Each structure stands twice: as C-alpha cells, then as structure tokens.
N, C-alpha and C. Protein backbone atom coordinates (compact mmCIF):
# COMPACT_ATOMS: atom_id res chain seq x y z
N MET A 1 0.61 -1.23 0.05
CA MET A 1 0.17 0.06 -0.22
C MET A 1 0.74 1.26 0.09
N LYS A 2 0.13 2.47 -0.26
CA LYS A 2 0.90 3.45 -0.67
C LYS A 2 0.61 4.28 0.48
N TYR A 3 1.64 5.49 0.75
CA TYR A 3 1.48 6.27 1.97
C TYR A 3 0.24 7.18 1.95
N GLU A 4 -0.35 7.47 1.02
CA GLU A 4 -2.20 7.87 0.93
C GLU A 4 -3.02 7.03 1.29
N ASP A 5 -2.75 5.60 1.10
CA ASP A 5 -3.71 4.73 1.58
C ASP A 5 -3.78 4.53 2.87
N PHE A 6 -2.60 4.65 3.71
CA PHE A 6 -2.43 4.68 5.24
C PHE A 6 -2.94 5.99 5.62
N ILE A 7 -2.79 7.12 5.14
CA ILE A 7 -3.53 8.18 5.72
C ILE A 7 -4.99 8.18 5.72
N LYS A 8 -5.38 7.51 4.77
CA LYS A 8 -7.14 7.42 4.49
C LYS A 8 -7.68 6.27 5.81
N LEU A 9 -6.83 5.57 6.06
CA LEU A 9 -6.88 4.52 7.07
C LEU A 9 -6.97 5.47 8.30
N GLY A 10 -6.24 6.44 8.65
CA GLY A 10 -6.70 7.00 9.91
C GLY A 10 -4.96 7.11 10.60
N LEU A 11 -4.24 6.82 9.89
CA LEU A 11 -3.08 6.40 10.68
C LEU A 11 -2.16 8.07 10.71
N SER A 12 -1.30 8.36 11.60
CA SER A 12 -0.58 9.67 11.39
C SER A 12 0.27 9.98 10.28
N GLU A 13 0.74 10.86 9.78
CA GLU A 13 1.60 11.02 9.03
C GLU A 13 2.92 10.13 9.15
N GLU A 14 3.29 10.12 10.30
CA GLU A 14 4.63 9.57 10.65
C GLU A 14 4.34 7.88 10.70
N ASP A 15 3.34 7.66 11.25
CA ASP A 15 3.22 6.11 10.83
C ASP A 15 2.70 5.67 9.54
N ALA A 16 2.05 6.58 9.08
CA ALA A 16 1.40 6.18 7.38
C ALA A 16 2.81 6.21 6.52
N LYS A 17 3.89 7.14 7.01
CA LYS A 17 5.09 6.75 6.38
C LYS A 17 5.85 5.70 6.52
N LYS A 18 5.77 5.22 7.79
CA LYS A 18 6.71 4.08 8.28
C LYS A 18 5.78 2.91 7.47
N ALA A 19 4.85 3.00 7.64
CA ALA A 19 3.94 1.82 6.83
C ALA A 19 4.23 1.87 5.40
N ALA A 20 4.32 2.81 4.73
CA ALA A 20 4.36 2.94 3.35
C ALA A 20 5.67 2.34 3.12
N GLU A 21 6.73 2.69 3.76
CA GLU A 21 8.00 2.15 3.64
C GLU A 21 8.37 0.48 3.66
N ALA A 22 7.45 0.23 4.81
CA ALA A 22 7.70 -1.33 5.08
C ALA A 22 6.87 -1.88 4.10
N SER A 23 5.81 -1.39 3.60
CA SER A 23 5.06 -2.24 2.53
C SER A 23 5.79 -2.29 1.17
N GLN A 24 6.47 -1.12 1.01
CA GLN A 24 7.44 -0.90 -0.04
C GLN A 24 8.63 -2.20 -0.05
N GLU A 25 9.09 -2.23 1.11
CA GLU A 25 10.17 -2.93 1.27
C GLU A 25 9.59 -4.46 0.86
N GLU A 26 8.67 -4.85 1.80
CA GLU A 26 7.91 -6.17 1.44
C GLU A 26 7.45 -6.40 -0.02
N LEU A 27 7.03 -5.79 -0.79
CA LEU A 27 6.94 -5.73 -1.99
C LEU A 27 8.01 -5.92 -3.07
N LYS A 28 9.11 -5.68 -2.64
CA LYS A 28 10.09 -5.83 -3.51
C LYS A 28 10.37 -7.35 -4.17
N GLY A 29 10.00 -8.16 -3.76
CA GLY A 29 9.83 -9.56 -4.14
C GLY A 29 8.89 -10.22 -5.13
N PHE A 30 7.79 -9.29 -5.13
CA PHE A 30 6.64 -9.46 -5.76
C PHE A 30 6.71 -8.58 -7.11
N ILE A 31 5.83 -9.12 -8.13
CA ILE A 31 5.78 -8.18 -9.24
C ILE A 31 4.35 -7.87 -9.54
N PRO A 32 4.58 -6.82 -10.36
CA PRO A 32 2.97 -6.26 -10.28
C PRO A 32 2.22 -7.30 -11.03
N LYS A 33 1.00 -6.83 -10.86
CA LYS A 33 -0.37 -7.96 -11.56
C LYS A 33 -0.07 -7.82 -12.99
N ALA A 34 0.08 -6.79 -13.50
CA ALA A 34 -0.11 -6.53 -14.91
C ALA A 34 1.15 -7.53 -15.59
N ARG A 35 2.60 -7.51 -15.01
CA ARG A 35 3.62 -8.18 -15.44
C ARG A 35 3.27 -9.69 -15.07
N PHE A 36 2.72 -10.09 -13.98
CA PHE A 36 2.29 -11.33 -13.96
C PHE A 36 1.49 -11.53 -14.87
N ASP A 37 0.47 -11.06 -15.44
CA ASP A 37 -0.38 -11.43 -16.51
C ASP A 37 0.28 -11.75 -17.75
N GLU A 38 1.22 -10.87 -17.80
CA GLU A 38 2.08 -10.71 -19.46
C GLU A 38 2.71 -12.33 -19.14
N VAL A 39 3.52 -12.38 -18.30
CA VAL A 39 4.64 -13.58 -18.07
C VAL A 39 3.52 -14.74 -17.88
N ASN A 40 2.42 -14.81 -17.32
CA ASN A 40 1.47 -15.84 -17.37
C ASN A 40 0.69 -16.36 -18.74
N ASN A 41 0.54 -14.96 -19.71
CA ASN A 41 0.21 -15.27 -20.92
C ASN A 41 1.30 -16.03 -21.81
N GLU A 42 2.40 -15.42 -21.51
CA GLU A 42 3.56 -16.04 -22.22
C GLU A 42 4.01 -17.28 -21.83
N LYS A 43 3.63 -17.70 -20.63
CA LYS A 43 3.86 -19.18 -20.29
C LYS A 43 2.91 -19.87 -21.44
N LYS A 44 1.58 -19.50 -21.04
CA LYS A 44 0.73 -20.44 -21.91
C LYS A 44 1.02 -20.44 -23.42
N LYS A 45 1.19 -19.39 -23.97
CA LYS A 45 1.60 -19.47 -25.05
C LYS A 45 2.86 -20.39 -25.88
N LEU A 46 3.70 -20.10 -24.68
CA LEU A 46 4.93 -21.22 -24.78
C LEU A 46 4.34 -22.65 -24.62
N GLU A 47 3.63 -22.89 -24.02
CA GLU A 47 3.19 -24.28 -23.53
C GLU A 47 2.70 -24.78 -25.00
N ALA A 48 1.72 -23.80 -25.67
CA ALA A 48 0.97 -24.27 -26.73
C ALA A 48 1.63 -24.57 -27.89
N THR A 49 3.17 -23.72 -27.76
CA THR A 49 4.10 -23.86 -28.91
C THR A 49 4.96 -25.34 -28.71
N VAL A 50 5.16 -25.44 -27.74
CA VAL A 50 5.93 -26.70 -27.29
C VAL A 50 4.95 -27.77 -27.51
N ALA A 51 3.71 -27.91 -27.30
CA ALA A 51 2.92 -29.06 -27.64
C ALA A 51 2.67 -29.11 -29.03
N GLU A 52 2.71 -27.81 -29.61
CA GLU A 52 2.63 -27.96 -31.06
C GLU A 52 4.05 -28.67 -31.87
N ARG A 53 4.99 -28.06 -31.17
CA ARG A 53 6.39 -28.81 -31.64
C ARG A 53 6.61 -30.09 -31.45
N ASP A 54 5.83 -30.63 -30.09
CA ASP A 54 6.08 -31.95 -29.79
C ASP A 54 4.89 -32.86 -30.83
N GLU A 55 4.07 -32.12 -31.42
CA GLU A 55 3.09 -32.94 -32.36
C GLU A 55 3.81 -32.86 -33.38
N GLN A 56 4.43 -31.98 -33.93
CA GLN A 56 5.34 -32.10 -35.04
C GLN A 56 6.25 -33.14 -35.16
N LEU A 57 7.18 -33.10 -34.01
CA LEU A 57 8.08 -34.19 -33.77
C LEU A 57 7.41 -35.45 -33.93
N GLU A 58 6.54 -35.88 -33.15
CA GLU A 58 5.87 -36.85 -33.27
C GLU A 58 5.34 -37.44 -34.34
N THR A 59 4.92 -36.52 -35.38
CA THR A 59 4.52 -36.65 -36.59
C THR A 59 5.92 -37.01 -37.53
N LEU A 60 6.86 -36.29 -37.12
CA LEU A 60 8.22 -36.84 -37.79
C LEU A 60 8.79 -38.10 -37.28
N LYS A 61 8.46 -38.33 -36.40
CA LYS A 61 8.92 -39.64 -35.71
C LYS A 61 8.19 -40.71 -36.50
N ASN A 62 6.66 -40.19 -36.73
CA ASN A 62 5.94 -41.70 -37.18
C ASN A 62 6.25 -41.74 -38.62
N SER A 63 6.51 -40.41 -39.40
CA SER A 63 6.96 -40.57 -40.78
C SER A 63 8.37 -41.15 -40.99
N THR A 64 9.28 -41.23 -39.81
CA THR A 64 10.49 -41.92 -39.94
C THR A 64 10.53 -43.16 -40.63
N GLY A 65 9.45 -43.82 -40.34
CA GLY A 65 9.21 -45.40 -40.96
C GLY A 65 9.21 -45.27 -42.45
N ASP A 66 8.74 -44.32 -42.88
CA ASP A 66 8.10 -44.01 -44.38
C ASP A 66 9.64 -43.50 -44.97
N LEU A 67 10.45 -42.68 -43.99
CA LEU A 67 11.55 -42.15 -44.57
C LEU A 67 12.28 -43.10 -44.90
N GLU A 68 12.60 -43.91 -43.88
CA GLU A 68 13.61 -44.78 -44.00
C GLU A 68 13.27 -46.03 -44.96
N ALA A 69 12.10 -46.36 -45.12
CA ALA A 69 11.54 -46.78 -46.20
C ALA A 69 11.91 -46.43 -47.75
N MET A 70 11.81 -45.02 -47.62
CA MET A 70 12.36 -44.16 -48.85
C MET A 70 13.41 -44.47 -49.00
N LYS A 71 14.43 -44.33 -48.23
CA LYS A 71 16.07 -44.26 -47.87
C LYS A 71 16.39 -45.55 -48.68
N GLN A 72 15.74 -46.62 -48.23
CA GLN A 72 15.79 -48.08 -48.57
C GLN A 72 15.59 -48.65 -49.92
N LYS A 73 14.31 -47.77 -50.45
CA LYS A 73 14.01 -48.13 -51.83
C LYS A 73 15.22 -47.53 -52.66
N ILE A 74 15.65 -46.21 -52.34
CA ILE A 74 16.47 -45.39 -53.10
C ILE A 74 17.74 -46.30 -53.01
N SER A 75 18.19 -46.82 -52.04
CA SER A 75 19.57 -47.48 -51.93
C SER A 75 19.34 -48.83 -52.61
N ASP A 76 18.31 -49.49 -52.57
CA ASP A 76 17.97 -50.67 -53.51
C ASP A 76 17.82 -50.09 -55.18
N LEU A 77 17.44 -48.80 -55.35
CA LEU A 77 17.21 -48.65 -56.84
C LEU A 77 18.79 -48.30 -57.21
N GLN A 78 19.50 -48.00 -56.52
CA GLN A 78 21.15 -47.67 -56.67
C GLN A 78 21.78 -48.72 -56.66
N ALA A 79 21.83 -49.56 -56.28
CA ALA A 79 22.38 -51.10 -56.28
C ALA A 79 21.82 -51.57 -57.48
N ASP A 80 20.47 -51.67 -57.65
CA ASP A 80 20.00 -52.18 -58.90
C ASP A 80 20.65 -51.64 -60.10
N ASN A 81 20.84 -50.35 -60.27
CA ASN A 81 21.24 -49.60 -61.44
C ASN A 81 22.63 -49.78 -61.62
N LYS A 82 23.30 -49.76 -60.25
CA LYS A 82 24.76 -50.11 -60.31
C LYS A 82 25.16 -51.72 -60.98
N LYS A 83 24.01 -52.58 -60.60
CA LYS A 83 24.19 -54.10 -61.20
C LYS A 83 24.09 -53.75 -62.81
N LYS A 84 23.07 -53.18 -63.16
CA LYS A 84 22.48 -53.00 -64.62
C LYS A 84 23.79 -52.26 -65.29
N ASP A 85 24.29 -51.30 -64.86
CA ASP A 85 25.52 -50.79 -65.46
C ASP A 85 26.70 -51.61 -65.60
N GLU A 86 26.96 -52.53 -64.54
CA GLU A 86 28.23 -53.48 -64.76
C GLU A 86 27.69 -54.54 -65.92
N GLU A 87 26.60 -54.98 -65.83
CA GLU A 87 26.20 -55.92 -66.57
C GLU A 87 26.30 -55.05 -68.21
N HIS A 88 25.74 -54.05 -68.35
CA HIS A 88 25.66 -53.68 -69.74
C HIS A 88 27.18 -53.27 -69.87
N ALA A 89 28.15 -52.78 -69.31
CA ALA A 89 29.48 -52.72 -69.38
C ALA A 89 30.18 -54.30 -69.91
N ALA A 90 29.75 -55.22 -69.24
CA ALA A 90 30.27 -56.58 -69.47
C ALA A 90 29.89 -56.69 -71.00
N GLU A 91 28.53 -56.72 -71.25
CA GLU A 91 28.16 -56.91 -72.33
C GLU A 91 28.83 -56.05 -73.83
N ILE A 92 29.15 -54.95 -73.63
CA ILE A 92 29.85 -53.94 -74.21
C ILE A 92 31.43 -54.62 -74.53
N LYS A 93 31.84 -55.19 -73.48
CA LYS A 93 33.43 -55.79 -73.53
C LYS A 93 33.22 -57.18 -74.31
N GLN A 94 32.18 -57.73 -73.78
CA GLN A 94 32.20 -59.13 -74.76
C GLN A 94 32.48 -58.94 -76.21
N LEU A 95 31.04 -57.88 -76.53
CA LEU A 95 30.99 -57.36 -78.12
C LEU A 95 32.06 -56.98 -78.71
N LYS A 96 33.10 -56.14 -78.09
CA LYS A 96 34.41 -55.81 -78.22
C LYS A 96 35.57 -57.07 -78.41
N ILE A 97 35.29 -57.87 -77.75
CA ILE A 97 35.99 -59.10 -77.70
C ILE A 97 35.72 -59.73 -78.60
N ASP A 98 34.48 -60.18 -79.14
CA ASP A 98 34.04 -60.99 -80.09
C ASP A 98 34.33 -60.44 -81.40
N ALA A 99 34.32 -59.01 -81.25
CA ALA A 99 34.85 -58.39 -82.62
C ALA A 99 36.15 -58.55 -82.83
N ALA A 100 36.85 -58.45 -82.17
CA ALA A 100 38.26 -58.34 -82.07
C ALA A 100 38.77 -59.83 -82.43
N VAL A 101 38.32 -61.02 -81.72
CA VAL A 101 38.57 -62.11 -81.97
C VAL A 101 38.17 -62.72 -83.54
N SER A 102 36.97 -62.03 -83.88
CA SER A 102 36.57 -62.37 -85.33
C SER A 102 37.44 -62.03 -86.36
N ALA A 103 37.81 -60.88 -86.06
CA ALA A 103 38.89 -59.78 -87.04
C ALA A 103 40.51 -60.48 -87.04
N ALA A 104 40.67 -61.07 -86.02
CA ALA A 104 41.90 -61.93 -85.84
C ALA A 104 41.96 -62.98 -86.74
N ILE A 105 40.87 -63.94 -86.76
CA ILE A 105 40.59 -65.24 -87.18
C ILE A 105 40.61 -64.65 -88.77
N THR A 106 39.82 -63.89 -89.08
CA THR A 106 39.88 -63.34 -90.65
C THR A 106 41.02 -63.03 -91.01
N ALA A 107 42.02 -62.42 -90.40
CA ALA A 107 43.21 -61.84 -90.59
C ALA A 107 44.10 -63.08 -91.12
N ALA A 108 43.82 -64.07 -90.12
CA ALA A 108 44.93 -65.36 -90.29
C ALA A 108 44.12 -66.39 -90.95
N LYS A 109 43.33 -65.90 -91.84
CA LYS A 109 42.79 -66.85 -92.99
C LYS A 109 42.05 -68.14 -92.28
N GLY A 110 41.15 -68.00 -91.29
CA GLY A 110 40.88 -69.25 -90.56
C GLY A 110 39.51 -69.36 -91.64
N LYS A 111 39.42 -70.87 -91.91
CA LYS A 111 38.75 -71.22 -92.78
C LYS A 111 37.02 -71.43 -91.91
N ASN A 112 37.18 -71.75 -90.71
CA ASN A 112 36.01 -71.93 -89.97
C ASN A 112 36.07 -71.13 -88.69
N GLU A 113 35.29 -70.00 -88.47
CA GLU A 113 35.54 -69.22 -87.20
C GLU A 113 35.13 -69.91 -85.98
N LYS A 114 34.26 -70.66 -85.96
CA LYS A 114 33.70 -70.97 -84.74
C LYS A 114 34.65 -72.35 -84.55
N ALA A 115 35.26 -72.95 -85.19
CA ALA A 115 35.96 -73.98 -84.95
C ALA A 115 37.40 -73.55 -84.34
N VAL A 116 37.93 -72.31 -84.86
CA VAL A 116 39.01 -71.64 -84.47
C VAL A 116 38.61 -71.07 -83.09
N LYS A 117 37.69 -70.63 -82.82
CA LYS A 117 37.30 -69.70 -81.57
C LYS A 117 37.26 -70.79 -80.55
N ALA A 118 36.69 -71.73 -80.95
CA ALA A 118 36.64 -72.93 -79.73
C ALA A 118 37.97 -73.35 -79.21
N LEU A 119 39.05 -73.38 -79.99
CA LEU A 119 40.37 -73.59 -79.46
C LEU A 119 40.96 -72.56 -78.70
N LEU A 120 40.54 -71.41 -78.76
CA LEU A 120 41.16 -70.18 -77.98
C LEU A 120 40.35 -70.02 -76.49
N GLU A 121 41.39 -69.63 -75.50
CA GLU A 121 41.04 -69.23 -74.40
C GLU A 121 41.00 -67.94 -74.29
N LEU A 122 39.59 -67.87 -74.04
CA LEU A 122 38.96 -66.56 -74.03
C LEU A 122 38.21 -66.33 -72.46
N ASP A 123 38.34 -66.98 -71.72
CA ASP A 123 37.65 -66.98 -70.61
C ASP A 123 38.00 -65.90 -69.61
N GLU A 124 39.46 -65.41 -69.52
CA GLU A 124 40.06 -64.51 -69.08
C GLU A 124 40.89 -63.48 -69.63
N VAL A 125 40.40 -63.10 -70.81
CA VAL A 125 41.40 -62.21 -71.77
C VAL A 125 41.03 -60.70 -71.50
N GLU A 126 41.90 -60.09 -71.66
CA GLU A 126 42.26 -58.63 -71.38
C GLU A 126 42.03 -57.70 -72.60
N LEU A 127 40.96 -56.91 -72.57
CA LEU A 127 40.83 -56.00 -73.62
C LEU A 127 41.98 -54.42 -73.78
N LEU A 128 42.42 -54.43 -74.71
CA LEU A 128 43.44 -53.37 -74.59
C LEU A 128 42.63 -52.10 -75.23
N ASP A 129 43.38 -51.13 -74.82
CA ASP A 129 42.76 -49.67 -75.34
C ASP A 129 42.60 -49.42 -76.90
N ASP A 130 43.10 -50.50 -77.65
CA ASP A 130 43.09 -50.12 -79.08
C ASP A 130 42.12 -51.21 -79.63
N GLY A 131 41.46 -51.94 -78.78
CA GLY A 131 40.53 -52.82 -79.34
C GLY A 131 40.94 -54.17 -79.57
N SER A 132 42.00 -54.23 -79.44
CA SER A 132 42.62 -55.64 -79.67
C SER A 132 42.43 -56.98 -78.35
N VAL A 133 42.80 -57.78 -78.54
CA VAL A 133 42.82 -58.56 -77.37
C VAL A 133 44.28 -59.19 -77.10
N LYS A 134 44.64 -58.94 -75.66
CA LYS A 134 46.08 -59.20 -75.22
C LYS A 134 46.31 -60.84 -75.34
N GLY A 135 47.44 -61.02 -76.21
CA GLY A 135 47.65 -62.65 -76.18
C GLY A 135 46.81 -63.31 -77.13
N LEU A 136 46.06 -62.54 -78.01
CA LEU A 136 45.24 -63.21 -78.96
C LEU A 136 46.18 -63.84 -80.21
N ASP A 137 46.78 -62.75 -80.73
CA ASP A 137 48.01 -62.99 -81.90
C ASP A 137 48.71 -64.29 -81.68
N ASP A 138 48.96 -64.39 -80.33
CA ASP A 138 49.91 -65.54 -79.85
C ASP A 138 48.89 -66.84 -79.90
N GLN A 139 47.94 -66.95 -79.53
CA GLN A 139 47.40 -68.00 -79.51
C GLN A 139 47.16 -68.54 -80.77
N ILE A 140 46.70 -67.66 -81.82
CA ILE A 140 46.18 -68.15 -83.13
C ILE A 140 47.83 -68.37 -83.49
N LYS A 141 48.83 -68.14 -83.37
CA LYS A 141 49.99 -68.44 -84.17
C LYS A 141 50.55 -69.53 -83.95
N LYS A 142 50.10 -70.09 -82.30
CA LYS A 142 50.26 -71.46 -81.95
C LYS A 142 49.34 -72.62 -83.01
N LEU A 143 48.14 -72.23 -83.03
CA LEU A 143 47.25 -72.58 -83.69
C LEU A 143 47.67 -73.08 -85.18
N LEU A 144 48.27 -71.89 -85.90
CA LEU A 144 48.95 -71.95 -87.21
C LEU A 144 50.11 -72.87 -87.39
N GLU A 145 50.84 -72.84 -86.27
CA GLU A 145 52.13 -73.86 -86.36
C GLU A 145 51.71 -75.14 -85.92
N SER A 146 50.95 -75.46 -85.07
CA SER A 146 50.46 -76.93 -84.56
C SER A 146 50.04 -77.59 -85.83
N ASP A 147 50.90 -78.75 -85.78
CA ASP A 147 50.34 -80.07 -87.00
C ASP A 147 48.85 -80.23 -86.85
N ASP A 148 48.32 -80.32 -85.72
CA ASP A 148 46.70 -80.75 -85.69
C ASP A 148 45.65 -79.67 -85.59
N THR A 149 46.21 -78.32 -85.87
CA THR A 149 45.27 -77.46 -85.84
C THR A 149 45.59 -76.53 -87.40
N LYS A 150 46.75 -76.55 -87.81
CA LYS A 150 46.84 -75.60 -88.80
C LYS A 150 46.13 -75.72 -90.18
N PHE A 151 45.44 -77.02 -90.16
CA PHE A 151 44.51 -77.15 -91.36
C PHE A 151 43.30 -76.45 -91.10
N LEU A 152 43.09 -75.70 -90.20
CA LEU A 152 41.74 -74.68 -89.83
C LEU A 152 42.10 -73.67 -90.70
N PHE A 153 43.48 -73.02 -91.21
CA PHE A 153 43.69 -72.22 -91.77
C PHE A 153 44.12 -72.25 -93.33
N ASP A 154 43.68 -71.14 -94.21
CA ASP A 154 44.06 -71.32 -95.73
C ASP A 154 45.71 -70.69 -95.61
N THR A 155 46.48 -71.59 -95.54
CA THR A 155 48.04 -71.26 -95.49
C THR A 155 48.67 -71.27 -97.03
N SER A 156 48.01 -71.41 -98.13
CA SER A 156 48.38 -71.73 -99.35
C SER A 156 48.51 -70.52 -100.00
N THR A 157 49.60 -70.14 -100.79
CA THR A 157 49.61 -68.93 -101.48
C THR A 157 49.46 -69.04 -102.99
N LYS A 158 48.52 -68.67 -103.45
CA LYS A 158 47.85 -69.14 -104.71
C LYS A 158 48.54 -68.11 -105.82
N LYS A 159 48.85 -68.55 -107.08
CA LYS A 159 49.39 -67.49 -107.92
C LYS A 159 48.46 -67.29 -109.07
N THR A 160 48.53 -66.29 -109.43
CA THR A 160 47.21 -66.06 -110.68
C THR A 160 48.08 -66.47 -111.93
N THR A 161 47.27 -67.16 -112.41
CA THR A 161 47.85 -68.00 -113.69
C THR A 161 46.62 -67.62 -114.72
N MET A 162 47.05 -67.58 -116.17
CA MET A 162 46.22 -67.42 -116.98
C MET A 162 45.93 -68.51 -117.79
N LYS A 163 44.46 -68.87 -117.86
CA LYS A 163 44.16 -70.01 -118.51
C LYS A 163 44.01 -69.72 -120.17
N GLY A 164 44.46 -70.83 -120.69
CA GLY A 164 44.65 -70.86 -122.39
C GLY A 164 45.82 -70.83 -122.68
N ALA A 165 46.15 -69.98 -123.94
CA ALA A 165 47.42 -70.09 -124.68
C ALA A 165 48.38 -68.97 -123.87
N LYS A 166 49.58 -69.31 -123.47
CA LYS A 166 50.60 -68.14 -122.76
C LYS A 166 50.57 -67.25 -123.89
N PRO A 167 50.57 -65.87 -123.13
CA PRO A 167 50.63 -64.88 -124.26
C PRO A 167 52.30 -64.67 -124.58
N GLY A 168 52.45 -64.32 -126.08
CA GLY A 168 53.67 -64.27 -126.72
C GLY A 168 54.21 -65.49 -127.11
N GLU A 169 53.50 -66.40 -127.06
CA GLU A 169 54.09 -67.73 -127.66
C GLU A 169 53.80 -67.92 -128.84
N ALA A 170 54.88 -68.30 -129.63
CA ALA A 170 54.53 -68.49 -131.31
C ALA A 170 53.52 -69.58 -131.34
N GLY A 171 53.33 -70.44 -130.58
CA GLY A 171 52.49 -71.67 -130.94
C GLY A 171 53.28 -72.85 -131.12
N ASN A 172 54.50 -72.91 -131.26
CA ASN A 172 55.21 -74.22 -131.26
C ASN A 172 56.42 -74.30 -130.02
N GLU A 173 56.52 -75.48 -129.82
CA GLU A 173 57.77 -75.52 -128.52
C GLU A 173 58.94 -75.35 -128.69
N ASP A 174 59.35 -74.98 -130.19
CA ASP A 174 60.68 -74.94 -130.33
C ASP A 174 61.47 -73.86 -129.67
N PRO A 175 62.44 -74.02 -128.68
CA PRO A 175 62.91 -73.07 -127.90
C PRO A 175 63.99 -72.35 -128.50
N ASP A 176 64.10 -72.58 -129.81
CA ASP A 176 65.13 -71.62 -130.61
C ASP A 176 64.31 -70.24 -131.09
N ASN A 177 62.87 -70.36 -131.03
CA ASN A 177 61.94 -69.65 -131.61
C ASN A 177 62.16 -68.42 -130.23
N ALA A 178 62.15 -67.26 -130.46
CA ALA A 178 62.56 -66.23 -129.63
C ALA A 178 61.30 -65.65 -129.52
N VAL A 179 60.44 -65.36 -128.32
CA VAL A 179 59.25 -64.53 -128.47
C VAL A 179 59.42 -63.22 -128.53
N ASP A 180 58.29 -63.00 -129.43
CA ASP A 180 58.16 -61.28 -129.52
C ASP A 180 57.53 -60.82 -128.48
N ILE A 181 58.34 -60.09 -127.93
CA ILE A 181 57.38 -59.39 -126.55
C ILE A 181 57.07 -57.72 -127.17
N THR A 182 57.59 -57.39 -128.39
CA THR A 182 57.07 -56.25 -128.70
C THR A 182 55.68 -56.07 -128.94
N LYS A 183 55.18 -57.21 -129.31
CA LYS A 183 53.75 -57.32 -129.56
C LYS A 183 52.69 -57.81 -128.00
N MET A 184 53.20 -57.69 -127.13
CA MET A 184 52.73 -58.02 -125.78
C MET A 184 52.14 -56.79 -125.27
N SER A 185 51.01 -56.86 -124.48
CA SER A 185 50.94 -55.75 -123.28
C SER A 185 51.60 -55.64 -122.05
N TYR A 186 51.44 -54.57 -121.63
CA TYR A 186 52.12 -54.59 -120.09
C TYR A 186 51.78 -55.93 -119.27
N GLU A 187 50.35 -56.17 -119.24
CA GLU A 187 49.81 -57.30 -118.56
C GLU A 187 50.44 -58.85 -118.97
N GLU A 188 50.40 -58.81 -120.49
CA GLU A 188 50.93 -59.99 -120.97
C GLU A 188 52.37 -60.34 -120.58
N LEU A 189 52.98 -59.26 -120.67
CA LEU A 189 54.67 -59.25 -120.11
C LEU A 189 55.09 -59.72 -119.06
N ALA A 190 53.87 -59.23 -118.01
CA ALA A 190 54.21 -59.49 -116.73
C ALA A 190 53.73 -60.72 -116.56
N ALA A 191 52.98 -61.36 -117.13
CA ALA A 191 52.42 -62.58 -116.92
C ALA A 191 53.14 -63.34 -117.44
N TYR A 192 54.21 -63.27 -118.56
CA TYR A 192 54.89 -64.17 -119.27
C TYR A 192 56.31 -64.12 -118.50
N LEU A 193 56.66 -62.83 -117.69
CA LEU A 193 57.78 -63.16 -116.83
C LEU A 193 57.62 -63.72 -115.62
N GLU A 194 56.38 -63.94 -115.13
CA GLU A 194 56.18 -64.64 -113.98
C GLU A 194 56.15 -65.99 -114.40
N GLU A 195 55.53 -66.39 -115.54
CA GLU A 195 55.89 -67.82 -115.76
C GLU A 195 56.94 -68.38 -116.28
N ASN A 196 57.85 -67.40 -116.93
CA ASN A 196 59.33 -67.65 -117.21
C ASN A 196 60.31 -66.76 -116.72
N PRO A 197 60.62 -67.02 -115.56
CA PRO A 197 61.51 -66.08 -114.80
C PRO A 197 63.07 -65.95 -115.41
N ASP A 198 63.24 -66.79 -116.00
CA ASP A 198 64.44 -66.96 -116.83
C ASP A 198 64.58 -66.27 -118.16
N ALA A 199 63.33 -66.29 -118.58
CA ALA A 199 63.51 -65.63 -119.97
C ALA A 199 64.50 -64.19 -120.34
N GLU A 200 64.87 -64.39 -121.23
CA GLU A 200 65.84 -63.36 -121.86
C GLU A 200 65.01 -62.28 -122.45
N ILE A 201 64.95 -60.83 -122.14
CA ILE A 201 64.25 -59.98 -122.82
C ILE A 201 65.50 -59.11 -123.62
C-alpha cells in the first residue's frame, strides 16, 4: 500500500510513512499484476508452442518409418542401377572381344571361325585400349604352327595364272624361236615373266 492509502486509514503522517516504507520493502520480491498476467500469458503461449512442436516431432517420428523405407528404396534402386550398369559394361566388353577375335581369325585366314574360336582361351582375356585382345595373336600363331590345328587356316599362296594359250608364244615348242615381246601388252609381259623368270628380254 502507498502512503496516501495509510493516511486514509486514519494513521498519522509519521505512522503512514513508516507503514508505506515497510510495505514497499515487503513488495520488492513481488511483481505487479500486469507483469504477472504478461508472464502468465507468455507461459501459456510457450506451452502451446511446445505442444505444437511435440506434435510436429511426433509426426516426424511417425513418418521416419516412411523416410527409412524411402531411403531403403533409393538404396535398392541405386544398387539395381549399379548392377545393370556393370552388366551393360560387361556386354559391351564381350561384344568388343568377339569383334576383335573375329577380325583376328579372318586376318589369319581361318576357314571356320567357330572351330578356331573353340580352341582359343577367351575366359579371362584382357581387352586393350586399341580394341585388340591381349595375347590373342600368340594363341592364333600357335594354332597356325601346330600340326593338328593348322588345317583350320588357309596357308596356301595362290598364284594368278592365265588359262589358255600363254601370251607371247608363237604356238610351237621350239625353244630356238624367240618370243616377240614387242607385241605384248604390259599385263601379258608381266604374266610371261612370272611364268618364265629365266626368259631373256
């Protein structure tokens, strides 16, 4: 209470002053009602906010299962995609190896690609940067040199021969008759010299 309030109660000025001072001293540990109401309302608001946050946390907690399921699904998809990428890379590598083997067998004049390929060790081959297969040439070379597999390759060297009368010949077998090369074309002369390497021109 204030000084004026004690005066109204009939106390003397001196007593009213003492009572007012004592009252103020006593009220130092207390807060005004307005401040109390303000703090009280703030407390209620904070409690409502905390309750709302708790509800949000509970919702997040409940959705964590879905989140984990989604994470697992993503992980499964990543693993599946990685596996597919590896399978695709393996397929591409095999296609390159098959192409390199086929080209090497053709270059070596293999008569039957399937038969030659069956004799090659292609399980753990290494594909080089230039598209060739490491060690493939050596394997084919061994097959070419081996008596029991060289028949799989065409190793004969064919000469181009002209059928019919030999160009430049006079029609008789008398060796004393010289061939008139002045009447031969270049192709005929080349063919004649191939047939008769000791011929004198």
